[in-house]
Amino acid sequence: MIEAVLFDFGGVITTSPFDNFAAYEREVALPDGIIRTINATNPDANAWAKLERSEVDRNGFVELFESEAAALGHAIDARRVLDCLKTRLRPEMVAVVHGLRPRYKTAILTNNLQAHDTDPDDGLTPTGDMGAVTSDVDALIESSVVGCRKPEERFYRLACDALGVEPAACVFLDDLGINCKPARAMGMTTIKVTSAAQAIADLETELGHDVG
């Protein structure tokens, strides 16, 4: 019996930063997918992982990421890469989060950056206006706060503990298969998100009722 629904934020509640990565790559004639390739190389200890666990600050990330890119033969502006994290809310997904309560416990599970690591010049957060949904969920698990990140099992355990549920009682939505895999191994029902419409349809299938 499902008791809780867990949502990734960027790429699920918001549009995908991967679209922004692709647009930047086209703009400066980088190979398609190179940013994601760099992020997937040494994924537990690279610049991206360290930033999301708050082990380095924005400047530290820029230095490390640009070195990782150079090692693969590419010159990439890491500050532009961080700008790609600025996404827009999907109103239909925000409505789903709000509509699930009080029937289900809900949580946001996000790999994110500390507030001081955002760009001070524009006031925008890297993953959209998270406040639009965090005020209406039971738990917010942030990698920059807890010091671990998806796909580390501890991250999902923290969410279950915060909600007081077992993994088997959870549905978890994420746009990355690598993040769904450990959740599924723990017993969660997982939904890999490719669009808002698909996410809603699959969630309704798993829960057995409309969520709109």
C-alpha atoms as a PDB file:
ATOM      1  CA  MET A   1       0.000   0.000   0.000  1.00  0.00           C
ATOM      2  CA  ILE A   2       1.443   3.363  -1.036  1.00  0.00           C
ATOM      3  CA  GLU A   3       1.713   5.854   1.808  1.00  0.00           C
ATOM      4  CA  ALA A   4       4.159   8.401   0.410  1.00  0.00           C
ATOM      5  CA  VAL A   5       5.122  10.046  -2.875  1.00  0.00           C
ATOM      6  CA  LEU A   6       8.663  11.357  -3.271  1.00  0.00           C
ATOM      7  CA  PHE A   7       9.592  13.858  -5.979  1.00  0.00           C
ATOM      8  CA  ASP A   8      12.868  14.914  -7.481  1.00  0.00           C
ATOM      9  CA  PHE A   9      12.765  18.671  -8.097  1.00  0.00           C
ATOM     10  CA  GLY A  10      14.803  19.706 -11.157  1.00  0.00           C
ATOM     11  CA  GLY A  11      13.480  17.836 -14.188  1.00  0.00           C
ATOM     12  CA  VAL A  12      10.318  16.644 -12.423  1.00  0.00           C
ATOM     13  CA  ILE A  13       8.663  19.591 -10.670  1.00  0.00           C
ATOM     14  CA  THR A  14      10.552  21.902 -13.041  1.00  0.00           C
ATOM     15  CA  THR A  15      11.675  21.745 -16.637  1.00  0.00           C
ATOM     16  CA  SER A  16      14.873  19.807 -17.231  1.00  0.00           C
ATOM     17  CA  PRO A  17      18.297  21.443 -16.925  1.00  0.00           C
ATOM     18  CA  PHE A  18      19.464  18.904 -19.508  1.00  0.00           C
ATOM     19  CA  ASP A  19      17.608  20.913 -22.160  1.00  0.00           C
ATOM     20  CA  ASN A  20      19.646  23.934 -21.091  1.00  0.00           C
ATOM     21  CA  PHE A  21      22.867  21.911 -21.257  1.00  0.00           C
ATOM     22  CA  ALA A  22      22.034  20.913 -24.820  1.00  0.00           C
ATOM     23  CA  ALA A  23      21.253  24.490 -25.829  1.00  0.00           C
ATOM     24  CA  TYR A  24      24.584  25.729 -24.437  1.00  0.00           C
ATOM     25  CA  GLU A  25      26.444  22.928 -26.218  1.00  0.00           C
ATOM     26  CA  ARG A  26      24.850  23.930 -29.520  1.00  0.00           C
ATOM     27  CA  GLU A  27      25.567  27.599 -28.892  1.00  0.00           C
ATOM     28  CA  VAL A  28      29.318  27.108 -28.472  1.00  0.00           C
ATOM     29  CA  ALA A  29      29.705  24.065 -30.782  1.00  0.00           C
ATOM     30  CA  LEU A  30      30.476  21.534 -28.075  1.00  0.00           C
ATOM     31  CA  PRO A  31      29.832  17.838 -28.713  1.00  0.00           C
ATOM     32  CA  ASP A  32      26.273  16.807 -27.931  1.00  0.00           C
ATOM     33  CA  GLY A  33      25.982  15.525 -24.371  1.00  0.00           C
ATOM     34  CA  ILE A  34      29.509  16.456 -23.291  1.00  0.00           C
ATOM     35  CA  ILE A  35      28.358  18.200 -20.100  1.00  0.00           C
ATOM     36  CA  ARG A  36      26.405  15.138 -19.003  1.00  0.00           C
ATOM     37  CA  THR A  37      29.395  12.977 -19.939  1.00  0.00           C
ATOM     38  CA  ILE A  38      31.651  15.020 -17.679  1.00  0.00           C
ATOM     39  CA  ASN A  39      29.100  14.824 -14.872  1.00  0.00           C
ATOM     40  CA  ALA A  40      28.906  11.047 -15.277  1.00  0.00           C
ATOM     41  CA  THR A  41      32.687  10.574 -15.177  1.00  0.00           C
ATOM     42  CA  ASN A  42      33.841   9.613 -11.674  1.00  0.00           C
ATOM     43  CA  PRO A  43      30.294  10.486 -10.517  1.00  0.00           C
ATOM     44  CA  ASP A  44      30.828  10.042  -6.780  1.00  0.00           C
ATOM     45  CA  ALA A  45      33.873  12.288  -6.518  1.00  0.00           C
ATOM     46  CA  ASN A  46      33.791  14.738  -9.412  1.00  0.00           C
ATOM     47  CA  ALA A  47      33.184  18.480  -9.265  1.00  0.00           C
ATOM     48  CA  TRP A  48      29.427  18.075  -9.569  1.00  0.00           C
ATOM     49  CA  ALA A  49      29.182  15.581  -6.716  1.00  0.00           C
ATOM     50  CA  LYS A  50      31.387  17.716  -4.480  1.00  0.00           C
ATOM     51  CA  LEU A  51      29.318  20.826  -5.128  1.00  0.00           C
ATOM     52  CA  GLU A  52      26.027  19.072  -4.393  1.00  0.00           C
ATOM     53  CA  ARG A  53      27.431  17.734  -1.111  1.00  0.00           C
ATOM     54  CA  SER A  54      28.753  21.216  -0.240  1.00  0.00           C
ATOM     55  CA  GLU A  55      32.335  19.972  -0.236  1.00  0.00           C
ATOM     56  CA  VAL A  56      33.351  22.833  -2.531  1.00  0.00           C
ATOM     57  CA  ASP A  57      31.859  26.276  -3.139  1.00  0.00           C
ATOM     58  CA  ARG A  58      30.929  27.830  -6.483  1.00  0.00           C
ATOM     59  CA  ASN A  59      34.488  28.952  -7.227  1.00  0.00           C
ATOM     60  CA  GLY A  60      35.874  25.571  -6.294  1.00  0.00           C
ATOM     61  CA  PHE A  61      33.400  23.899  -8.594  1.00  0.00           C
ATOM     62  CA  VAL A  62      34.350  26.157 -11.491  1.00  0.00           C
ATOM     63  CA  GLU A  63      38.014  25.279 -11.134  1.00  0.00           C
ATOM     64  CA  LEU A  64      37.399  21.544 -10.785  1.00  0.00           C
ATOM     65  CA  PHE A  65      34.799  21.270 -13.548  1.00  0.00           C
ATOM     66  CA  GLU A  66      36.882  23.201 -16.058  1.00  0.00           C
ATOM     67  CA  SER A  67      39.846  20.947 -15.251  1.00  0.00           C
ATOM     68  CA  GLU A  68      37.687  17.858 -15.804  1.00  0.00           C
ATOM     69  CA  ALA A  69      36.503  19.277 -19.120  1.00  0.00           C
ATOM     70  CA  ALA A  70      40.055  20.072 -20.169  1.00  0.00           C
ATOM     71  CA  ALA A  71      41.123  16.516 -19.352  1.00  0.00           C
ATOM     72  CA  LEU A  72      38.583  15.376 -21.963  1.00  0.00           C
ATOM     73  CA  GLY A  73      39.853  17.927 -24.463  1.00  0.00           C
ATOM     74  CA  HIS A  74      37.226  20.656 -24.106  1.00  0.00           C
ATOM     75  CA  ALA A  75      37.187  24.258 -22.925  1.00  0.00           C
ATOM     76  CA  ILE A  76      33.898  24.825 -21.091  1.00  0.00           C
ATOM     77  CA  ASP A  77      32.780  27.830 -19.066  1.00  0.00           C
ATOM     78  CA  ALA A  78      31.663  26.244 -15.807  1.00  0.00           C
ATOM     79  CA  ARG A  79      29.748  29.361 -14.797  1.00  0.00           C
ATOM     80  CA  ARG A  80      27.609  28.985 -17.891  1.00  0.00           C
ATOM     81  CA  VAL A  81      27.033  25.368 -16.916  1.00  0.00           C
ATOM     82  CA  LEU A  82      25.733  26.520 -13.536  1.00  0.00           C
ATOM     83  CA  ASP A  83      23.447  28.988 -15.297  1.00  0.00           C
ATOM     84  CA  CYS A  84      21.888  26.019 -17.075  1.00  0.00           C
ATOM     85  CA  LEU A  85      20.470  24.869 -13.744  1.00  0.00           C
ATOM     86  CA  LYS A  86      17.963  27.719 -13.767  1.00  0.00           C
ATOM     87  CA  THR A  87      14.692  26.067 -14.705  1.00  0.00           C
ATOM     88  CA  ARG A  88      10.976  26.849 -14.706  1.00  0.00           C
ATOM     89  CA  LEU A  89       8.243  25.325 -12.609  1.00  0.00           C
ATOM     90  CA  ARG A  90       5.790  22.955 -14.274  1.00  0.00           C
ATOM     91  CA  PRO A  91       2.452  24.236 -12.897  1.00  0.00           C
ATOM     92  CA  GLU A  92       0.729  20.907 -13.500  1.00  0.00           C
ATOM     93  CA  MET A  93       3.328  19.126 -11.355  1.00  0.00           C
ATOM     94  CA  VAL A  94       3.020  21.722  -8.589  1.00  0.00           C
ATOM     95  CA  ALA A  95      -0.734  21.063  -8.634  1.00  0.00           C
ATOM     96  CA  VAL A  96      -0.097  17.324  -8.288  1.00  0.00           C
ATOM     97  CA  VAL A  97       2.107  17.855  -5.234  1.00  0.00           C
ATOM     98  CA  HIS A  98      -0.524  20.033  -3.602  1.00  0.00           C
ATOM     99  CA  GLY A  99      -3.354  17.673  -4.517  1.00  0.00           C
ATOM    100  CA  LEU A 100      -1.795  14.575  -2.966  1.00  0.00           C
ATOM    101  CA  ARG A 101      -2.198  15.866   0.553  1.00  0.00           C
ATOM    102  CA  PRO A 102      -3.618  14.896   2.994  1.00  0.00           C
ATOM    103  CA  ARG A 103      -4.052  11.439   1.473  1.00  0.00           C
ATOM    104  CA  TYR A 104      -0.300  10.812   1.137  1.00  0.00           C
ATOM    105  CA  LYS A 105       2.882  11.931   2.790  1.00  0.00           C
ATOM    106  CA  THR A 106       5.040  13.856   0.333  1.00  0.00           C
ATOM    107  CA  ALA A 107       8.679  14.873   0.061  1.00  0.00           C
ATOM    108  CA  ILE A 108      11.090  16.630  -2.262  1.00  0.00           C
ATOM    109  CA  LEU A 109      14.437  14.870  -2.739  1.00  0.00           C
ATOM    110  CA  THR A 110      16.867  17.161  -4.524  1.00  0.00           C
ATOM    111  CA  ASN A 111      20.531  17.264  -5.379  1.00  0.00           C
ATOM    112  CA  ASN A 112      21.067  20.993  -5.078  1.00  0.00           C
ATOM    113  CA  LEU A 113      23.457  23.807  -4.212  1.00  0.00           C
ATOM    114  CA  GLN A 114      23.689  25.949  -1.137  1.00  0.00           C
ATOM    115  CA  ALA A 115      21.983  29.316  -1.494  1.00  0.00           C
ATOM    116  CA  HIS A 116      25.288  31.175  -1.430  1.00  0.00           C
ATOM    117  CA  ASP A 117      26.457  29.152  -4.432  1.00  0.00           C
ATOM    118  CA  THR A 118      23.815  30.678  -6.708  1.00  0.00           C
ATOM    119  CA  ASP A 119      24.586  33.633  -8.950  1.00  0.00           C
ATOM    120  CA  PRO A 120      24.306  36.760  -6.784  1.00  0.00           C
ATOM    121  CA  ASP A 121      23.737  38.967  -9.819  1.00  0.00           C
ATOM    122  CA  ASP A 122      20.307  37.713 -10.839  1.00  0.00           C
ATOM    123  CA  GLY A 123      18.718  36.433  -7.637  1.00  0.00           C
ATOM    124  CA  LEU A 124      17.527  33.239  -9.317  1.00  0.00           C
ATOM    125  CA  THR A 125      17.826  29.850  -7.706  1.00  0.00           C
ATOM    126  CA  PRO A 126      19.428  26.976  -9.636  1.00  0.00           C
ATOM    127  CA  THR A 127      16.286  24.867  -9.665  1.00  0.00           C
ATOM    128  CA  GLY A 128      13.397  27.277  -9.941  1.00  0.00           C
ATOM    129  CA  ASP A 129      11.153  28.571  -7.158  1.00  0.00           C
ATOM    130  CA  MET A 130      11.248  25.610  -4.804  1.00  0.00           C
ATOM    131  CA  GLY A 131       9.232  27.522  -2.235  1.00  0.00           C
ATOM    132  CA  ALA A 132       6.136  26.990  -4.367  1.00  0.00           C
ATOM    133  CA  VAL A 133       6.089  23.342  -3.320  1.00  0.00           C
ATOM    134  CA  THR A 134       8.213  22.988  -0.203  1.00  0.00           C
ATOM    135  CA  SER A 135       5.624  24.757   1.928  1.00  0.00           C
ATOM    136  CA  ASP A 136       3.197  21.947   1.144  1.00  0.00           C
ATOM    137  CA  VAL A 137       5.338  18.825   1.592  1.00  0.00           C
ATOM    138  CA  ASP A 138       6.159  16.868   4.709  1.00  0.00           C
ATOM    139  CA  ALA A 139       9.897  16.682   4.128  1.00  0.00           C
ATOM    140  CA  LEU A 140      12.608  18.369   2.080  1.00  0.00           C
ATOM    141  CA  ILE A 141      15.839  16.413   1.650  1.00  0.00           C
ATOM    142  CA  GLU A 142      18.608  18.548   0.121  1.00  0.00           C
ATOM    143  CA  SER A 143      22.023  17.184  -0.777  1.00  0.00           C
ATOM    144  CA  SER A 144      23.662  20.505   0.075  1.00  0.00           C
ATOM    145  CA  VAL A 145      22.266  20.247   3.610  1.00  0.00           C
ATOM    146  CA  VAL A 146      22.553  16.552   4.476  1.00  0.00           C
ATOM    147  CA  GLY A 147      25.977  15.967   2.895  1.00  0.00           C
ATOM    148  CA  CYS A 148      24.978  13.069   0.656  1.00  0.00           C
ATOM    149  CA  ARG A 149      23.172  12.892  -2.659  1.00  0.00           C
ATOM    150  CA  LYS A 150      21.232  10.697  -5.029  1.00  0.00           C
ATOM    151  CA  PRO A 151      22.002   7.941  -5.951  1.00  0.00           C
ATOM    152  CA  GLU A 152      23.554   7.233  -2.513  1.00  0.00           C
ATOM    153  CA  GLU A 153      21.265   4.915  -0.546  1.00  0.00           C
ATOM    154  CA  ARG A 154      21.622   7.018   2.601  1.00  0.00           C
ATOM    155  CA  PHE A 155      19.825   9.890   0.840  1.00  0.00           C
ATOM    156  CA  TYR A 156      16.691   7.794   0.304  1.00  0.00           C
ATOM    157  CA  ARG A 157      16.882   6.403   3.842  1.00  0.00           C
ATOM    158  CA  LEU A 158      16.852   9.941   5.213  1.00  0.00           C
ATOM    159  CA  ALA A 159      13.667  10.641   3.290  1.00  0.00           C
ATOM    160  CA  CYS A 160      11.953   7.496   4.559  1.00  0.00           C
ATOM    161  CA  ASP A 161      13.016   8.245   8.120  1.00  0.00           C
ATOM    162  CA  ALA A 162      11.752  11.819   7.860  1.00  0.00           C
ATOM    163  CA  LEU A 163       8.352  10.584   6.680  1.00  0.00           C
ATOM    164  CA  GLY A 164       8.187   7.569   8.999  1.00  0.00           C
ATOM    165  CA  VAL A 165       7.596   5.103   6.149  1.00  0.00           C
ATOM    166  CA  GLU A 166       9.274   2.038   4.702  1.00  0.00           C
ATOM    167  CA  PRO A 167      10.690   2.160   1.162  1.00  0.00           C
ATOM    168  CA  ALA A 168       8.063  -0.315  -0.059  1.00  0.00           C
ATOM    169  CA  ALA A 169       5.362   2.208   0.844  1.00  0.00           C
ATOM    170  CA  CYS A 170       6.837   4.891  -1.447  1.00  0.00           C
ATOM    171  CA  VAL A 171       6.557   5.986  -5.058  1.00  0.00           C
ATOM    172  CA  PHE A 172       9.621   7.934  -6.215  1.00  0.00           C
ATOM    173  CA  LEU A 173       9.742  10.116  -9.339  1.00  0.00           C
ATOM    174  CA  ASP A 174      13.033  11.195 -10.909  1.00  0.00           C
ATOM    175  CA  ASP A 175      14.189  12.082 -14.391  1.00  0.00           C
ATOM    176  CA  LEU A 176      17.388  10.031 -14.101  1.00  0.00           C
ATOM    177  CA  GLY A 177      17.405   6.261 -14.268  1.00  0.00           C
ATOM    178  CA  ILE A 178      20.594   6.155 -12.214  1.00  0.00           C
ATOM    179  CA  ASN A 179      18.676   7.787  -9.354  1.00  0.00           C
ATOM    180  CA  CYS A 180      15.680   5.476  -9.702  1.00  0.00           C
ATOM    181  CA  LYS A 181      17.778   2.305  -9.608  1.00  0.00           C
ATOM    182  CA  PRO A 182      18.830   2.348  -5.914  1.00  0.00           C
ATOM    183  CA  ALA A 183      15.353   3.456  -4.833  1.00  0.00           C
ATOM    184  CA  ARG A 184      13.865   0.514  -6.692  1.00  0.00           C
ATOM    185  CA  ALA A 185      16.425  -1.852  -5.146  1.00  0.00           C
ATOM    186  CA  MET A 186      15.295  -0.664  -1.703  1.00  0.00           C
ATOM    187  CA  GLY A 187      11.713  -1.570  -2.548  1.00  0.00           C
ATOM    188  CA  MET A 188      10.285   1.709  -3.794  1.00  0.00           C
ATOM    189  CA  THR A 189       8.041   1.963  -6.812  1.00  0.00           C
ATOM    190  CA  THR A 190       9.894   4.214  -9.246  1.00  0.00           C
ATOM    191  CA  ILE A 191       8.817   6.394 -12.148  1.00  0.00           C
ATOM    192  CA  LYS A 192      11.391   7.754 -14.583  1.00  0.00           C
ATOM    193  CA  VAL A 193      10.083  11.113 -15.737  1.00  0.00           C
ATOM    194  CA  THR A 194      10.378  12.265 -19.340  1.00  0.00           C
ATOM    195  CA  SER A 195       7.549  14.809 -19.300  1.00  0.00           C
ATOM    196  CA  ALA A 196       4.892  16.150 -16.965  1.00  0.00           C
ATOM    197  CA  ALA A 197       2.107  14.354 -18.835  1.00  0.00           C
ATOM    198  CA  GLN A 198       3.916  11.020 -18.669  1.00  0.00           C
ATOM    199  CA  ALA A 199       4.762  11.490 -14.983  1.00  0.00           C
ATOM    200  CA  ILE A 200       1.154  12.237 -14.094  1.00  0.00           C
ATOM    201  CA  ALA A 201      -0.194   9.329 -16.121  1.00  0.00           C
ATOM    202  CA  ASP A 202       2.262   6.868 -14.586  1.00  0.00           C
ATOM    203  CA  LEU A 203       1.630   8.162 -11.082  1.00  0.00           C
ATOM    204  CA  GLU A 204      -2.116   7.764 -11.552  1.00  0.00           C
ATOM    205  CA  THR A 205      -1.512   4.190 -12.695  1.00  0.00           C
ATOM    206  CA  GLU A 206       0.558   3.394  -9.616  1.00  0.00           C
ATOM    207  CA  LEU A 207      -1.838   5.062  -7.169  1.00  0.00           C
ATOM    208  CA  GLY A 208      -5.006   3.847  -8.872  1.00  0.00           C
ATOM    209  CA  HIS A 209      -6.753   7.228  -9.027  1.00  0.00           C
ATOM    210  CA  ASP A 210      -6.562  10.664 -10.624  1.00  0.00           C
ATOM    211  CA  VAL A 211      -4.048  13.107  -9.230  1.00  0.00           C
ATOM    212  CA  GLY A 212      -4.966  16.186 -11.286  1.00  0.00           C
END
